[in-house]
Amino acid sequence: MKIPNAGSAGSWARMATVSALALSLVALPSYPAMAQQSASVAPVLPTLSLERALARAAEVDPALPGGEARARAGAAAVRQADVRPNPTLGLTVENLPTLGGGNIIDRSEATLSYEQRFERGGDRSARVALARGEATVVQAEDAIRRLDRLEQVQRAWADALAAQAELEIARDRLDLAEHFQTEVQRRVDMARDPLFAGARAEAELAQAQIDFDQAGIEARLARATLGRFWIGASDFSLDPADFEDTSAAREVAGPVSEIDLAVLSAQRDVSRARVRVEEARAMPDATVSVGVRHFWEGQDLGLVIGGSIPLGRHDRNEGAIARARFEGVAAEADMVALQQEREREIARLQVLLASRALEARRIAEETLPQAERAVTLVLQGFARGGFTYNDVIAAQTALLATRARRVAVLKQFHIDRARLDRLTGAHADLLGLETRS
């Protein structure tokens, strides 16, 4: 990192550099270890590709234990739904005399009964199917959460690459500002330019130093944000060629991932299972009881058999059945609507990728060479006294703006690619999930 040392602007830049470095030390715990490395013995860090970043994030997901616990809870719900109703053991004492009415024991009767409710209409199988469907919904929601996390990782990877490219632009701007400030100071010393030109050049240099320091902080922060997805330090390097790679624009996008539709599909199946549950509840359950009655007077025993069944006169559960059916229809319609929406978004992103790749290529091949040539010509003319300070600043500003525009286009390209990969489930295999080919 270069630090200007000319005049008050140089002091300001040095203070800005110290402040920026102090902030980076506080914000990024991994930076002190990196700062202690000798410049001549810089560590060689492995290159982090997109595939490796996604794989590391998939391996280290703090929400995995929660997903496993919810899956076990769903399995427990299925086991509970398959349980039969408990029997009832009852004791009834009858013919108790009033106070002063005689011997209590001789006139009393006691009945010990065993009662069992029998479910009619397939209640238990319907409950099991419903519990399985609800467990499938939970698993589908967890799969979507994991895919969403991979999209966040891919976006963070793109942000880190873009921040690295922006740092290079800031470094080039600082180099230009230093070179120009030296040239202006030489002209001022020779009385060819006024003093305010030197002060303005120092101000530009100081601002370039500040921008470079800020770009360095943002680059380290972006790398640290990416590394935190697998709870690790920024022990990797990023290949600028990955940022320049726009080959994904030439690939044909796949269809909508089945994982996105799995939740609505599971909700539809749950609604169908709930219809069967409500239909089973509409059929009254029969209750049968068997008991033994003991007559204390004479010590006789008698067998008692009974049964009951509710009459479906008023409550036939028709409202609950209709509600479950309409919820299934709604889930089916939502699934069709979501698929159409995702198909439109995939088609739009496919066009955007091609458009951004073309723009980035044209800027690199057409605009940048002209802007660089303009800066070279202006600097040469300025050294001969043929151009003004404003001409140099304008040419440099145009060049930096062109480079920044290309970085912004490439960054948006990779962000759009991350969204497209998410919608098509391109990285589902990293999670062990199945998607439609």
Protein backbone atom coordinates (compact mmCIF):
# COMPACT_ATOMS: atom_id res chain seq x y z
CA MET A 1 0.00 0.00 0.00
CA LYS A 2 1.34 3.39 -0.98
CA ILE A 3 1.10 6.35 1.40
CA PRO A 4 1.57 9.87 0.05
CA ASN A 5 4.00 12.08 1.82
CA ALA A 6 3.52 15.45 0.15
CA GLY A 7 2.22 18.37 2.19
CA SER A 8 -0.88 18.52 4.36
CA ALA A 9 -2.72 16.19 2.03
CA GLY A 10 -0.06 13.57 2.68
CA SER A 11 -0.56 13.88 6.44
CA TRP A 12 -4.31 13.54 5.99
CA ALA A 13 -3.85 10.46 3.87
CA ARG A 14 -1.50 8.89 6.42
CA MET A 15 -4.04 9.48 9.18
CA ALA A 16 -6.77 7.97 7.01
CA THR A 17 -4.60 4.95 6.35
CA VAL A 18 -3.94 4.40 10.05
CA SER A 19 -7.65 4.76 10.85
CA ALA A 20 -8.63 2.34 8.10
CA LEU A 21 -6.12 -0.24 9.24
CA ALA A 22 -7.26 0.11 12.86
CA LEU A 23 -10.86 -0.42 11.81
CA SER A 24 -9.94 -3.49 9.83
CA LEU A 25 -8.09 -4.93 12.81
CA VAL A 26 -11.20 -4.56 14.94
CA ALA A 27 -13.66 -5.74 12.34
CA LEU A 28 -11.74 -8.79 11.13
CA PRO A 29 -10.15 -11.05 13.76
CA SER A 30 -8.19 -12.92 11.10
CA TYR A 31 -6.35 -9.81 9.91
CA PRO A 32 -3.70 -9.57 12.67
CA ALA A 33 -2.32 -12.96 11.79
CA MET A 34 -2.16 -11.92 8.16
CA ALA A 35 -0.55 -8.59 9.06
CA GLN A 36 2.22 -10.34 10.97
CA GLN A 37 3.32 -12.21 7.88
CA SER A 38 6.44 -10.86 6.24
CA ALA A 39 5.94 -9.26 2.87
CA SER A 40 8.65 -11.50 1.44
CA VAL A 41 7.10 -14.66 2.94
CA ALA A 42 3.46 -14.13 1.98
CA PRO A 43 1.39 -17.30 2.52
CA VAL A 44 0.06 -19.05 -0.56
CA LEU A 45 -3.64 -19.54 0.06
CA PRO A 46 -5.69 -22.11 -1.86
CA THR A 47 -8.03 -20.75 -4.51
CA LEU A 48 -11.68 -20.94 -3.52
CA SER A 49 -13.88 -21.82 -6.47
CA LEU A 50 -17.65 -21.51 -6.40
CA GLU A 51 -18.10 -25.27 -6.20
CA ARG A 52 -15.73 -25.52 -3.25
CA ALA A 53 -17.42 -22.64 -1.43
CA LEU A 54 -20.84 -24.24 -1.85
CA ALA A 55 -19.54 -27.65 -0.76
CA ARG A 56 -17.94 -26.23 2.39
CA ALA A 57 -21.11 -24.35 3.28
CA ALA A 58 -23.23 -27.46 2.71
CA GLU A 59 -20.99 -29.50 4.99
CA VAL A 60 -21.12 -26.94 7.80
CA ASP A 61 -24.75 -25.90 8.27
CA PRO A 62 -25.68 -24.97 11.86
CA ALA A 63 -29.35 -25.60 11.11
CA LEU A 64 -28.83 -29.28 10.22
CA PRO A 65 -29.43 -30.55 13.78
CA GLY A 66 -32.71 -28.67 13.85
CA GLY A 67 -33.79 -30.26 10.58
CA GLU A 68 -32.89 -33.72 11.85
CA ALA A 69 -34.84 -33.08 15.04
CA ARG A 70 -37.92 -32.00 13.07
CA ALA A 71 -37.64 -35.12 10.92
CA ARG A 72 -37.57 -37.29 14.04
CA ALA A 73 -40.54 -35.39 15.41
CA GLY A 74 -42.44 -36.20 12.22
CA ALA A 75 -41.57 -39.89 12.56
CA ALA A 76 -42.77 -39.82 16.17
CA ALA A 77 -46.05 -38.22 15.03
CA VAL A 78 -46.54 -41.07 12.53
CA ARG A 79 -46.01 -43.65 15.29
CA GLN A 80 -48.47 -41.86 17.54
CA ALA A 81 -51.09 -41.68 14.78
CA ASP A 82 -50.94 -45.48 14.43
CA VAL A 83 -51.99 -46.08 18.04
CA ARG A 84 -55.41 -47.58 18.84
CA PRO A 85 -57.77 -45.92 21.34
CA ASN A 86 -57.18 -46.91 24.95
CA PRO A 87 -59.75 -49.13 26.68
CA THR A 88 -61.65 -47.92 29.74
CA LEU A 89 -61.97 -49.77 33.00
CA GLY A 90 -64.96 -48.68 35.09
CA LEU A 91 -66.50 -49.43 38.46
CA THR A 92 -70.15 -48.65 39.24
CA VAL A 93 -71.89 -49.09 42.62
CA GLU A 94 -75.72 -48.95 42.59
CA ASN A 95 -78.67 -49.12 44.98
CA LEU A 96 -76.98 -47.28 47.77
CA PRO A 97 -79.58 -46.72 50.52
CA THR A 98 -80.29 -43.35 52.03
CA LEU A 99 -79.17 -42.50 55.52
CA GLY A 100 -80.94 -44.74 57.98
CA GLY A 101 -82.31 -46.93 55.20
CA GLY A 102 -80.81 -50.20 56.37
CA ASN A 103 -77.74 -52.30 55.70
CA ILE A 104 -75.67 -50.73 52.91
CA ILE A 105 -73.82 -53.86 51.88
CA ASP A 106 -76.80 -56.20 51.60
CA ARG A 107 -78.76 -53.96 49.20
CA SER A 108 -75.91 -52.65 47.00
CA GLU A 109 -74.72 -53.84 43.58
CA ALA A 110 -71.27 -53.31 42.08
CA THR A 111 -70.38 -53.54 38.38
CA LEU A 112 -66.83 -53.82 37.05
CA SER A 113 -66.76 -53.06 33.31
CA TYR A 114 -64.25 -53.08 30.47
CA GLU A 115 -65.07 -50.67 27.65
CA GLN A 116 -63.43 -50.38 24.24
CA ARG A 117 -64.08 -47.86 21.48
CA PHE A 118 -63.84 -49.24 17.92
CA GLU A 119 -62.98 -46.78 15.19
CA ARG A 120 -65.08 -47.14 12.07
CA GLY A 121 -64.30 -45.72 8.64
CA GLY A 122 -60.52 -46.16 8.66
CA ASP A 123 -59.65 -43.49 11.23
CA ARG A 124 -56.26 -44.91 12.10
CA SER A 125 -54.97 -45.34 8.52
CA ALA A 126 -56.20 -41.86 7.69
CA ARG A 127 -54.39 -40.40 10.70
CA VAL A 128 -51.18 -42.16 9.70
CA ALA A 129 -51.39 -40.81 6.15
CA LEU A 130 -51.98 -37.30 7.48
CA ALA A 131 -49.01 -37.50 9.86
CA ARG A 132 -46.76 -38.74 7.07
CA GLY A 133 -47.90 -35.91 4.82
CA GLU A 134 -47.19 -33.32 7.52
CA ALA A 135 -43.71 -34.81 8.01
CA THR A 136 -43.13 -34.53 4.26
CA VAL A 137 -44.07 -30.83 4.38
CA VAL A 138 -41.49 -30.24 7.12
CA GLN A 139 -38.79 -32.04 5.12
CA ALA A 140 -39.64 -30.06 1.97
CA GLU A 141 -39.45 -26.77 3.85
CA ASP A 142 -36.06 -27.76 5.25
CA ALA A 143 -34.81 -28.61 1.74
CA ILE A 144 -35.87 -25.19 0.48
CA ARG A 145 -34.13 -23.51 3.42
CA ARG A 146 -30.90 -25.32 2.58
CA LEU A 147 -31.12 -24.31 -1.09
CA ASP A 148 -31.78 -20.70 -0.07
CA ARG A 149 -28.64 -20.82 2.05
CA LEU A 150 -26.58 -21.99 -0.92
CA GLU A 151 -27.91 -19.03 -2.89
CA GLN A 152 -26.72 -16.73 -0.12
CA VAL A 153 -23.28 -18.36 -0.27
CA GLN A 154 -23.12 -17.90 -4.04
CA ARG A 155 -24.08 -14.24 -3.70
CA ALA A 156 -21.46 -13.73 -0.99
CA TRP A 157 -18.87 -15.33 -3.28
CA ALA A 158 -19.86 -12.89 -6.04
CA ASP A 159 -19.66 -9.97 -3.60
CA ALA A 160 -16.16 -11.01 -2.54
CA LEU A 161 -14.99 -11.24 -6.15
CA ALA A 162 -16.51 -7.84 -6.96
CA ALA A 163 -14.92 -6.26 -3.89
CA GLN A 164 -11.56 -7.65 -4.97
CA ALA A 165 -12.02 -6.14 -8.44
CA GLU A 166 -13.05 -2.81 -6.96
CA LEU A 167 -9.92 -2.88 -4.82
CA GLU A 168 -7.81 -3.21 -7.95
CA ILE A 169 -9.55 -0.20 -9.47
CA ALA A 170 -8.90 1.79 -6.30
CA ARG A 171 -5.22 0.75 -6.39
CA ASP A 172 -4.88 1.90 -10.01
CA ARG A 173 -6.58 5.16 -9.16
CA LEU A 174 -4.09 5.67 -6.33
CA ASP A 175 -1.17 4.94 -8.66
CA LEU A 176 -2.48 7.46 -11.20
CA ALA A 177 -3.04 10.06 -8.50
CA GLU A 178 0.48 9.59 -7.16
CA HIS A 179 2.01 9.86 -10.61
CA PHE A 180 -0.04 12.91 -11.44
CA GLN A 181 0.68 14.61 -8.10
CA THR A 182 4.41 14.15 -8.68
CA GLU A 183 4.15 15.66 -12.14
CA VAL A 184 2.05 18.60 -10.94
CA GLN A 185 4.42 19.27 -8.06
CA ARG A 186 7.31 19.33 -10.52
CA ARG A 187 5.47 21.85 -12.65
CA VAL A 188 4.64 23.97 -9.60
CA ASP A 189 8.27 23.94 -8.51
CA MET A 190 9.21 25.13 -11.98
CA ALA A 191 6.56 27.88 -11.74
CA ARG A 192 4.76 26.46 -14.75
CA ASP A 193 1.53 25.87 -12.73
CA PRO A 194 0.01 27.90 -9.88
CA LEU A 195 0.16 26.74 -6.27
CA PHE A 196 -3.53 25.82 -6.17
CA ALA A 197 -2.88 23.14 -8.83
CA GLY A 198 -0.47 21.42 -6.48
CA ALA A 199 -2.94 21.65 -3.59
CA ARG A 200 -5.69 20.20 -5.76
CA ALA A 201 -3.47 17.32 -6.87
CA GLU A 202 -2.64 16.57 -3.23
CA ALA A 203 -6.34 16.57 -2.38
CA GLU A 204 -7.02 14.13 -5.22
CA LEU A 205 -4.20 11.94 -3.98
CA ALA A 206 -5.51 11.99 -0.43
CA GLN A 207 -9.00 11.05 -1.61
CA ALA A 208 -7.60 8.26 -3.74
CA GLN A 209 -5.74 6.92 -0.69
CA ILE A 210 -8.92 7.02 1.38
CA ASP A 211 -10.88 5.23 -1.34
CA PHE A 212 -8.17 2.60 -1.58
CA ASP A 213 -8.21 2.02 2.18
CA GLN A 214 -11.99 1.75 2.21
CA ALA A 215 -11.95 -0.65 -0.72
CA GLY A 216 -9.43 -2.79 1.17
CA ILE A 217 -11.67 -2.89 4.23
CA GLU A 218 -14.70 -3.81 2.12
CA ALA A 219 -12.75 -6.54 0.34
CA ARG A 220 -11.61 -8.10 3.63
CA LEU A 221 -15.11 -7.78 5.06
CA ALA A 222 -16.62 -9.51 2.00
CA ARG A 223 -14.11 -12.35 2.33
CA ALA A 224 -14.83 -12.68 6.04
CA THR A 225 -18.59 -12.74 5.39
CA LEU A 226 -18.10 -15.54 2.89
CA GLY A 227 -15.87 -17.49 5.26
CA ARG A 228 -18.39 -17.29 8.09
CA PHE A 229 -20.78 -19.51 6.15
CA TRP A 230 -18.60 -22.44 7.19
CA ILE A 231 -17.48 -20.78 10.42
CA GLY A 232 -13.92 -20.40 9.19
CA ALA A 233 -11.35 -17.71 8.60
CA SER A 234 -10.59 -16.11 5.26
CA ASP A 235 -7.97 -18.76 4.54
CA PHE A 236 -8.50 -18.70 0.78
CA SER A 237 -7.79 -16.65 -2.31
CA LEU A 238 -10.13 -15.74 -5.13
CA ASP A 239 -9.24 -16.14 -8.77
CA PRO A 240 -10.05 -12.98 -10.80
CA ALA A 241 -10.65 -15.25 -13.79
CA ASP A 242 -13.74 -16.60 -12.02
CA PHE A 243 -15.12 -13.07 -11.94
CA GLU A 244 -14.44 -12.63 -15.65
CA ASP A 245 -16.04 -15.98 -16.54
CA THR A 246 -19.43 -15.42 -18.20
CA SER A 247 -19.71 -18.84 -19.84
CA ALA A 248 -22.87 -19.55 -17.84
CA ALA A 249 -24.72 -17.20 -20.20
CA ARG A 250 -24.25 -19.75 -22.99
CA GLU A 251 -25.75 -22.62 -21.02
CA VAL A 252 -29.41 -23.52 -21.39
CA ALA A 253 -31.21 -23.14 -18.07
CA GLY A 254 -32.94 -26.18 -16.65
CA PRO A 255 -36.59 -26.43 -15.65
CA VAL A 256 -38.08 -25.31 -12.36
CA SER A 257 -36.67 -27.32 -9.50
CA GLU A 258 -39.08 -29.89 -8.09
CA ILE A 259 -37.85 -28.93 -4.65
CA ASP A 260 -39.58 -25.57 -4.93
CA LEU A 261 -42.84 -27.30 -5.80
CA ALA A 262 -42.41 -29.99 -3.17
CA VAL A 263 -43.89 -27.92 -0.34
CA LEU A 264 -47.10 -27.13 -2.21
CA SER A 265 -47.26 -30.70 -3.48
CA ALA A 266 -46.91 -31.98 0.09
CA GLN A 267 -49.54 -29.50 1.30
CA ARG A 268 -51.89 -30.78 -1.38
CA ASP A 269 -51.30 -34.35 -0.22
CA VAL A 270 -51.88 -33.26 3.38
CA SER A 271 -55.22 -31.73 2.39
CA ARG A 272 -56.24 -34.95 0.67
CA ALA A 273 -55.23 -36.96 3.73
CA ARG A 274 -57.16 -34.55 5.95
CA VAL A 275 -60.25 -35.14 3.78
CA ARG A 276 -59.99 -38.86 4.53
CA VAL A 277 -59.53 -38.10 8.24
CA GLU A 278 -62.61 -35.90 8.32
CA GLU A 279 -64.64 -38.46 6.37
CA ALA A 280 -63.59 -41.12 8.86
CA ARG A 281 -64.60 -38.86 11.73
CA ALA A 282 -67.99 -38.41 10.12
CA MET A 283 -68.66 -42.11 10.62
CA PRO A 284 -69.59 -42.64 14.31
CA ASP A 285 -67.37 -44.90 16.37
CA ALA A 286 -68.94 -47.81 18.22
CA THR A 287 -68.28 -48.46 21.89
CA VAL A 288 -68.68 -51.96 23.37
CA SER A 289 -68.51 -52.75 27.05
CA VAL A 290 -68.37 -56.03 28.96
CA GLY A 291 -68.71 -56.21 32.68
CA VAL A 292 -69.42 -58.31 35.75
CA ARG A 293 -72.09 -57.28 38.26
CA HIS A 294 -71.90 -58.45 41.84
CA PHE A 295 -75.01 -58.61 44.01
CA TRP A 296 -74.03 -58.36 47.63
CA GLU A 297 -77.32 -59.81 48.78
CA GLY A 298 -76.98 -63.47 47.90
CA GLN A 299 -73.41 -63.06 46.60
CA ASP A 300 -74.51 -63.63 42.99
CA LEU A 301 -72.57 -62.63 39.85
CA GLY A 302 -74.06 -61.47 36.56
CA LEU A 303 -72.62 -60.74 33.13
CA VAL A 304 -73.33 -57.30 31.71
CA ILE A 305 -72.86 -56.49 28.01
CA GLY A 306 -73.54 -53.12 26.44
CA GLY A 307 -72.75 -50.92 23.50
CA SER A 308 -73.34 -47.44 22.11
CA ILE A 309 -73.00 -45.56 18.88
CA PRO A 310 -73.65 -41.84 18.24
CA LEU A 311 -76.47 -40.94 15.91
CA GLY A 312 -75.42 -38.84 12.95
CA ARG A 313 -78.44 -36.62 13.22
CA HIS A 314 -76.93 -33.14 13.51
CA ASP A 315 -73.14 -33.22 13.22
CA ARG A 316 -72.02 -35.06 10.10
CA ASN A 317 -68.67 -33.22 9.87
CA GLU A 318 -69.61 -31.91 6.44
CA GLY A 319 -68.03 -28.49 7.01
CA ALA A 320 -64.65 -29.96 7.98
CA ILE A 321 -64.70 -32.27 4.94
CA ALA A 322 -65.49 -29.39 2.58
CA ARG A 323 -62.77 -27.22 4.14
CA ALA A 324 -60.13 -29.92 3.65
CA ARG A 325 -61.18 -30.43 0.04
CA PHE A 326 -60.99 -26.73 -0.79
CA GLU A 327 -57.58 -26.48 0.87
CA GLY A 328 -56.39 -29.22 -1.47
CA VAL A 329 -57.78 -27.37 -4.48
CA ALA A 330 -56.04 -24.18 -3.32
CA ALA A 331 -52.71 -25.99 -2.89
CA GLU A 332 -53.01 -27.44 -6.38
CA ALA A 333 -53.72 -24.02 -7.86
CA ASP A 334 -50.86 -22.44 -5.91
CA MET A 335 -48.49 -25.08 -7.24
CA VAL A 336 -49.49 -24.39 -10.85
CA ALA A 337 -49.16 -20.63 -10.30
CA LEU A 338 -45.75 -20.97 -8.66
CA GLN A 339 -44.45 -23.14 -11.48
CA GLN A 340 -45.56 -20.61 -14.10
CA GLU A 341 -44.05 -17.73 -12.11
CA ARG A 342 -40.74 -19.52 -11.72
CA GLU A 343 -40.67 -20.42 -15.42
CA ARG A 344 -41.11 -16.75 -16.32
CA GLU A 345 -38.35 -15.73 -13.91
CA ILE A 346 -35.99 -18.38 -15.29
CA ALA A 347 -36.60 -17.15 -18.84
CA ARG A 348 -36.02 -13.53 -17.77
CA LEU A 349 -32.78 -14.37 -15.96
CA GLN A 350 -31.54 -16.33 -18.97
CA VAL A 351 -31.94 -13.25 -21.13
CA LEU A 352 -30.35 -10.99 -18.50
CA LEU A 353 -27.29 -13.23 -18.25
CA ALA A 354 -26.75 -13.08 -21.99
CA SER A 355 -27.26 -9.31 -21.99
CA ARG A 356 -24.84 -8.66 -19.13
CA ALA A 357 -22.21 -10.96 -20.59
CA LEU A 358 -22.43 -9.11 -23.89
CA GLU A 359 -22.19 -5.72 -22.18
CA ALA A 360 -19.14 -6.76 -20.16
CA ARG A 361 -17.42 -8.09 -23.28
CA ARG A 362 -18.15 -4.95 -25.30
CA ILE A 363 -16.86 -2.70 -22.52
CA ALA A 364 -13.64 -4.71 -22.37
CA GLU A 365 -13.16 -4.78 -26.13
CA GLU A 366 -14.48 -1.38 -27.22
CA THR A 367 -14.77 1.15 -24.40
CA LEU A 368 -11.86 0.36 -22.11
CA PRO A 369 -9.11 0.47 -24.76
CA GLN A 370 -10.30 3.88 -25.92
CA ALA A 371 -10.52 5.22 -22.37
CA GLU A 372 -7.02 3.96 -21.57
CA ARG A 373 -5.63 5.47 -24.76
CA ALA A 374 -7.29 8.78 -23.91
CA VAL A 375 -5.62 8.86 -20.49
CA THR A 376 -2.23 8.08 -22.00
CA LEU A 377 -2.55 10.80 -24.62
CA VAL A 378 -3.76 13.39 -22.12
CA LEU A 379 -0.93 12.62 -19.70
CA GLN A 380 1.62 12.91 -22.49
CA GLY A 381 0.12 16.16 -23.66
CA PHE A 382 -0.06 17.50 -20.11
CA ALA A 383 3.65 16.78 -19.65
CA ARG A 384 4.31 18.87 -22.77
CA GLY A 385 1.97 21.61 -21.57
CA GLY A 386 -0.70 20.92 -24.16
CA PHE A 387 -3.56 19.97 -21.77
CA THR A 388 -4.93 21.39 -18.55
CA TYR A 389 -5.34 19.76 -15.17
CA ASN A 390 -9.09 19.45 -15.76
CA ASP A 391 -8.46 17.51 -18.97
CA VAL A 392 -6.36 14.98 -17.10
CA ILE A 393 -8.93 14.59 -14.32
CA ALA A 394 -11.73 14.15 -16.84
CA ALA A 395 -9.88 11.43 -18.75
CA GLN A 396 -8.94 9.56 -15.58
CA THR A 397 -12.49 9.83 -14.24
CA ALA A 398 -13.90 8.44 -17.48
CA LEU A 399 -11.49 5.49 -17.39
CA LEU A 400 -12.26 4.64 -13.78
CA ALA A 401 -15.99 4.99 -14.38
CA THR A 402 -15.77 2.60 -17.32
CA ARG A 403 -13.89 0.02 -15.28
CA ALA A 404 -16.30 0.43 -12.37
CA ARG A 405 -19.23 -0.01 -14.74
CA ARG A 406 -17.81 -3.28 -16.01
CA VAL A 407 -17.26 -4.54 -12.47
CA ALA A 408 -20.86 -3.64 -11.62
CA VAL A 409 -22.13 -5.50 -14.69
CA LEU A 410 -20.09 -8.61 -13.87
CA LYS A 411 -21.20 -8.51 -10.25
CA GLN A 412 -24.85 -8.37 -11.27
CA PHE A 413 -24.18 -11.19 -13.74
CA HIS A 414 -23.00 -13.47 -10.94
CA ILE A 415 -25.88 -12.43 -8.67
CA ASP A 416 -28.38 -13.22 -11.44
CA ARG A 417 -26.61 -16.52 -11.99
CA ALA A 418 -26.96 -17.33 -8.29
CA ARG A 419 -30.70 -16.72 -8.52
CA LEU A 420 -30.99 -18.81 -11.67
CA ASP A 421 -29.08 -21.67 -10.07
CA ARG A 422 -31.42 -21.46 -7.10
CA LEU A 423 -34.59 -21.62 -9.21
CA THR A 424 -33.35 -24.59 -11.22
CA GLY A 425 -31.90 -26.43 -8.22
CA ALA A 426 -28.48 -26.58 -9.88
CA HIS A 427 -26.71 -27.31 -6.59
CA ALA A 428 -29.25 -29.70 -5.08
CA ASP A 429 -26.82 -32.60 -5.45
CA LEU A 430 -24.55 -30.99 -2.85
CA LEU A 431 -27.34 -31.43 -0.31
CA GLY A 432 -28.25 -34.96 -1.30
CA LEU A 433 -31.57 -33.73 -2.70
CA GLU A 434 -33.28 -34.95 -5.81
CA THR A 435 -34.41 -32.56 -8.50
CA ARG A 436 -36.00 -32.98 -11.87
CA SER A 437 -33.49 -33.31 -14.71
